[in-house]
N, C-alpha and C. Protein backbone atom coordinates (compact mmCIF):
# COMPACT_ATOMS: atom_id res chain seq x y z
N MET A 1 118.98 131.69 64.84
CA MET A 1 119.68 131.13 63.70
C MET A 1 120.93 131.94 63.35
N LYS A 2 120.79 133.28 63.44
CA LYS A 2 121.92 134.15 63.13
C LYS A 2 123.06 133.94 64.13
N LYS A 3 122.70 133.67 65.40
CA LYS A 3 123.74 133.44 66.41
C LYS A 3 124.52 132.16 66.11
N ILE A 4 123.84 131.14 65.65
CA ILE A 4 124.50 129.87 65.31
C ILE A 4 125.45 130.07 64.14
N ILE A 5 125.01 130.78 63.13
CA ILE A 5 125.85 131.03 61.95
C ILE A 5 127.06 131.88 62.34
N ALA A 6 126.84 132.89 63.18
CA ALA A 6 127.94 133.74 63.63
C ALA A 6 128.94 132.93 64.46
N SER A 7 128.44 132.05 65.32
CA SER A 7 129.32 131.20 66.13
C SER A 7 130.13 130.26 65.26
N LEU A 8 129.50 129.67 64.26
CA LEU A 8 130.22 128.78 63.35
C LEU A 8 131.28 129.54 62.56
N ALA A 9 130.95 130.73 62.12
CA ALA A 9 131.90 131.55 61.36
C ALA A 9 133.12 131.89 62.22
N ILE A 10 132.90 132.24 63.46
CA ILE A 10 134.01 132.53 64.37
C ILE A 10 134.85 131.29 64.61
N ALA A 11 134.21 130.15 64.80
CA ALA A 11 134.94 128.89 65.01
C ALA A 11 135.80 128.55 63.80
N VAL A 12 135.27 128.74 62.60
CA VAL A 12 136.02 128.46 61.37
C VAL A 12 137.24 129.38 61.27
N VAL A 13 137.07 130.66 61.58
CA VAL A 13 138.19 131.61 61.52
C VAL A 13 139.27 131.22 62.53
N VAL A 14 138.88 130.85 63.73
CA VAL A 14 139.85 130.44 64.76
C VAL A 14 140.60 129.19 64.31
N VAL A 15 139.90 128.19 63.81
CA VAL A 15 140.53 126.95 63.37
C VAL A 15 141.49 127.22 62.21
N LEU A 16 141.07 128.00 61.25
CA LEU A 16 141.93 128.32 60.11
C LEU A 16 143.14 129.13 60.56
N GLY A 17 142.95 130.02 61.51
CA GLY A 17 144.06 130.81 62.04
C GLY A 17 145.09 129.95 62.72
N CYS A 18 144.63 129.00 63.52
CA CYS A 18 145.56 128.10 64.21
C CYS A 18 146.21 127.12 63.24
N ALA A 19 145.49 126.71 62.21
CA ALA A 19 146.05 125.77 61.24
C ALA A 19 147.15 126.41 60.41
N SER A 20 147.10 127.72 60.24
CA SER A 20 148.13 128.39 59.46
C SER A 20 149.40 128.63 60.27
N CYS A 21 149.33 128.48 61.57
CA CYS A 21 150.51 128.64 62.43
C CYS A 21 151.37 127.39 62.34
N THR A 22 152.66 127.58 62.56
CA THR A 22 153.54 126.42 62.61
C THR A 22 153.34 125.69 63.93
N GLN A 23 153.74 124.45 63.97
CA GLN A 23 153.62 123.66 65.19
C GLN A 23 154.42 124.31 66.32
N GLN A 24 155.58 124.85 65.98
CA GLN A 24 156.44 125.49 66.98
C GLN A 24 155.77 126.74 67.56
N TYR A 25 155.19 127.56 66.70
CA TYR A 25 154.50 128.78 67.14
C TYR A 25 153.31 128.42 68.03
N THR A 26 152.55 127.45 67.60
CA THR A 26 151.37 127.03 68.36
C THR A 26 151.78 126.48 69.73
N ALA A 27 152.80 125.63 69.78
CA ALA A 27 153.24 125.06 71.04
C ALA A 27 153.74 126.15 71.99
N ARG A 28 154.49 127.09 71.46
CA ARG A 28 155.06 128.15 72.30
C ARG A 28 153.99 129.09 72.85
N ASN A 29 153.05 129.48 72.02
CA ASN A 29 152.08 130.50 72.42
C ASN A 29 150.78 129.96 73.01
N PHE A 30 150.41 128.75 72.65
CA PHE A 30 149.13 128.21 73.11
C PHE A 30 149.29 126.93 73.93
N GLY A 31 150.53 126.49 74.16
CA GLY A 31 150.77 125.26 74.89
C GLY A 31 150.59 124.05 73.99
N GLY A 32 150.92 122.90 74.49
CA GLY A 32 150.75 121.68 73.72
C GLY A 32 152.03 120.86 73.66
N ASN A 33 152.00 119.86 72.80
CA ASN A 33 153.13 118.93 72.68
C ASN A 33 153.74 119.03 71.30
N MET A 34 155.04 118.79 71.24
CA MET A 34 155.76 118.84 69.98
C MET A 34 156.90 117.83 70.06
N THR A 35 157.18 117.14 68.97
CA THR A 35 158.27 116.18 68.92
C THR A 35 159.25 116.59 67.84
N ILE A 36 160.53 116.59 68.21
CA ILE A 36 161.60 116.88 67.26
C ILE A 36 162.51 115.66 67.21
N THR A 37 162.66 115.08 66.03
CA THR A 37 163.56 113.95 65.84
C THR A 37 164.88 114.50 65.32
N LEU A 38 165.92 114.31 66.11
CA LEU A 38 167.24 114.83 65.73
C LEU A 38 167.83 114.01 64.59
N GLN A 39 168.79 114.60 63.90
CA GLN A 39 169.49 113.92 62.83
C GLN A 39 170.20 112.69 63.40
N PRO A 40 170.31 111.62 62.63
CA PRO A 40 171.03 110.43 63.13
C PRO A 40 172.45 110.79 63.56
N GLY A 41 172.84 110.27 64.71
CA GLY A 41 174.19 110.49 65.22
C GLY A 41 174.37 111.77 66.02
N GLU A 42 173.29 112.53 66.25
CA GLU A 42 173.37 113.75 67.04
C GLU A 42 172.70 113.55 68.38
N LYS A 43 173.28 114.16 69.43
CA LYS A 43 172.65 114.13 70.74
C LYS A 43 172.37 115.55 71.20
N LEU A 44 171.30 115.72 71.94
CA LEU A 44 170.87 117.03 72.41
C LEU A 44 171.72 117.45 73.61
N MET A 45 172.18 118.69 73.57
CA MET A 45 172.93 119.25 74.69
C MET A 45 172.08 120.25 75.48
N MET A 46 171.36 121.13 74.76
CA MET A 46 170.60 122.18 75.41
C MET A 46 169.51 122.69 74.47
N ALA A 47 168.44 123.22 75.03
CA ALA A 47 167.38 123.83 74.22
C ALA A 47 166.84 125.05 74.96
N THR A 48 166.46 126.07 74.19
CA THR A 48 165.91 127.29 74.77
C THR A 48 165.05 128.03 73.75
N TRP A 49 164.18 128.89 74.25
CA TRP A 49 163.35 129.73 73.39
C TRP A 49 163.94 131.12 73.33
N LYS A 50 163.83 131.76 72.18
CA LYS A 50 164.08 133.19 72.04
C LYS A 50 162.88 133.71 71.27
N GLU A 51 162.01 134.41 71.96
CA GLU A 51 160.73 134.84 71.43
C GLU A 51 159.95 133.60 70.98
N ASP A 52 159.57 133.50 69.71
CA ASP A 52 158.81 132.33 69.25
C ASP A 52 159.69 131.28 68.60
N ASN A 53 161.01 131.44 68.67
CA ASN A 53 161.93 130.51 68.01
C ASN A 53 162.58 129.58 69.01
N LEU A 54 162.63 128.31 68.66
CA LEU A 54 163.27 127.30 69.49
C LEU A 54 164.67 127.04 68.95
N PHE A 55 165.65 127.18 69.82
CA PHE A 55 167.03 126.87 69.47
C PHE A 55 167.48 125.66 70.27
N TYR A 56 168.16 124.72 69.62
CA TYR A 56 168.69 123.58 70.37
C TYR A 56 170.09 123.26 69.88
N LEU A 57 170.94 122.95 70.86
CA LEU A 57 172.34 122.67 70.62
C LEU A 57 172.55 121.16 70.60
N THR A 58 173.20 120.68 69.56
CA THR A 58 173.49 119.25 69.46
C THR A 58 174.99 119.06 69.26
N GLU A 59 175.43 117.84 69.48
CA GLU A 59 176.81 117.47 69.18
C GLU A 59 176.82 116.01 68.73
N PRO A 60 177.88 115.58 68.05
CA PRO A 60 177.95 114.19 67.60
C PRO A 60 177.97 113.21 68.78
N MET A 61 177.34 112.07 68.59
CA MET A 61 177.34 111.03 69.62
C MET A 61 178.68 110.32 69.66
N GLU A 62 179.08 109.92 70.86
CA GLU A 62 180.26 109.06 70.99
C GLU A 62 179.87 107.65 70.57
N GLU A 63 180.85 106.82 70.29
CA GLU A 63 180.60 105.45 69.83
C GLU A 63 179.75 104.64 70.81
N ASP A 64 179.99 104.80 72.10
CA ASP A 64 179.28 103.98 73.10
C ASP A 64 178.04 104.68 73.67
N TYR A 65 177.65 105.83 73.13
CA TYR A 65 176.50 106.58 73.62
C TYR A 65 175.20 105.88 73.23
N VAL A 66 174.30 105.76 74.17
CA VAL A 66 172.99 105.16 73.92
C VAL A 66 171.98 106.28 73.68
N PRO A 67 171.34 106.33 72.50
CA PRO A 67 170.37 107.40 72.22
C PRO A 67 169.24 107.43 73.25
N LYS A 68 168.81 108.64 73.58
CA LYS A 68 167.77 108.84 74.58
C LYS A 68 166.67 109.73 74.02
N THR A 69 165.57 109.77 74.72
CA THR A 69 164.52 110.74 74.44
C THR A 69 164.55 111.72 75.60
N LYS A 70 164.73 113.01 75.26
CA LYS A 70 164.82 114.05 76.28
C LYS A 70 163.62 114.97 76.15
N ILE A 71 163.14 115.47 77.28
CA ILE A 71 161.92 116.26 77.29
C ILE A 71 162.18 117.63 77.91
N LEU A 72 161.77 118.67 77.20
CA LEU A 72 161.82 120.05 77.69
C LEU A 72 160.40 120.42 78.07
N ARG A 73 160.20 120.79 79.34
CA ARG A 73 158.86 121.12 79.81
C ARG A 73 158.80 122.57 80.28
N GLU A 74 157.70 123.20 79.98
CA GLU A 74 157.44 124.54 80.50
C GLU A 74 156.53 124.40 81.71
N SER A 75 156.86 125.12 82.75
CA SER A 75 156.02 125.12 83.94
C SER A 75 155.54 126.55 84.16
N SER A 76 154.28 126.80 83.83
CA SER A 76 153.74 128.16 83.98
C SER A 76 153.19 128.35 85.39
N SER A 77 153.11 129.59 85.80
CA SER A 77 152.65 129.89 87.16
C SER A 77 151.18 129.51 87.36
N LEU A 78 150.39 129.55 86.30
CA LEU A 78 148.97 129.21 86.42
C LEU A 78 148.68 127.74 86.11
N GLY A 79 149.66 127.05 85.52
CA GLY A 79 149.47 125.64 85.19
C GLY A 79 148.66 125.41 83.93
N ILE A 80 148.48 126.45 83.12
CA ILE A 80 147.75 126.30 81.87
C ILE A 80 148.65 126.74 80.72
N LEU A 81 148.31 126.32 79.51
CA LEU A 81 149.09 126.64 78.32
C LEU A 81 150.54 126.23 78.46
N GLU A 82 150.78 125.07 79.04
CA GLU A 82 152.14 124.58 79.21
C GLU A 82 152.56 123.79 77.97
N THR A 83 153.84 123.90 77.65
CA THR A 83 154.40 123.27 76.46
C THR A 83 155.32 122.13 76.87
N THR A 84 155.27 121.03 76.12
CA THR A 84 156.19 119.92 76.28
C THR A 84 156.80 119.60 74.93
N ILE A 85 158.14 119.59 74.87
CA ILE A 85 158.83 119.28 73.63
C ILE A 85 159.68 118.05 73.86
N LYS A 86 159.46 117.05 73.03
CA LYS A 86 160.20 115.79 73.14
C LYS A 86 161.27 115.77 72.04
N PHE A 87 162.53 115.58 72.43
CA PHE A 87 163.64 115.46 71.50
C PHE A 87 164.01 113.98 71.42
N VAL A 88 163.97 113.42 70.24
CA VAL A 88 164.26 112.00 70.05
C VAL A 88 165.61 111.87 69.35
N GLU A 89 166.56 111.24 70.04
CA GLU A 89 167.88 110.98 69.45
C GLU A 89 167.85 109.63 68.75
N GLN A 90 168.65 109.50 67.72
CA GLN A 90 168.71 108.22 66.99
C GLN A 90 170.11 107.99 66.45
N ARG A 91 170.46 106.72 66.30
CA ARG A 91 171.78 106.36 65.72
C ARG A 91 171.78 106.53 64.24
């Protein structure tokens, strides 16, 4: 019985610890998916990580530009804890 209670207590601490992290921190350090919707009229030029911070460069869309969804993928050597970030452009 004590083992079950101890296991549940550990699970609760882990869940609460992950819930207090930002989506960006969790995606960067533990893998997963994240979606960023850009401001209307902006298009993505480049994205990169610096430590746990995600930086992305945008510029105004041209009149004839068709908004796209762009994906930044991490490819780890072990194939685990990989991150995918979807950037959604909009008019």
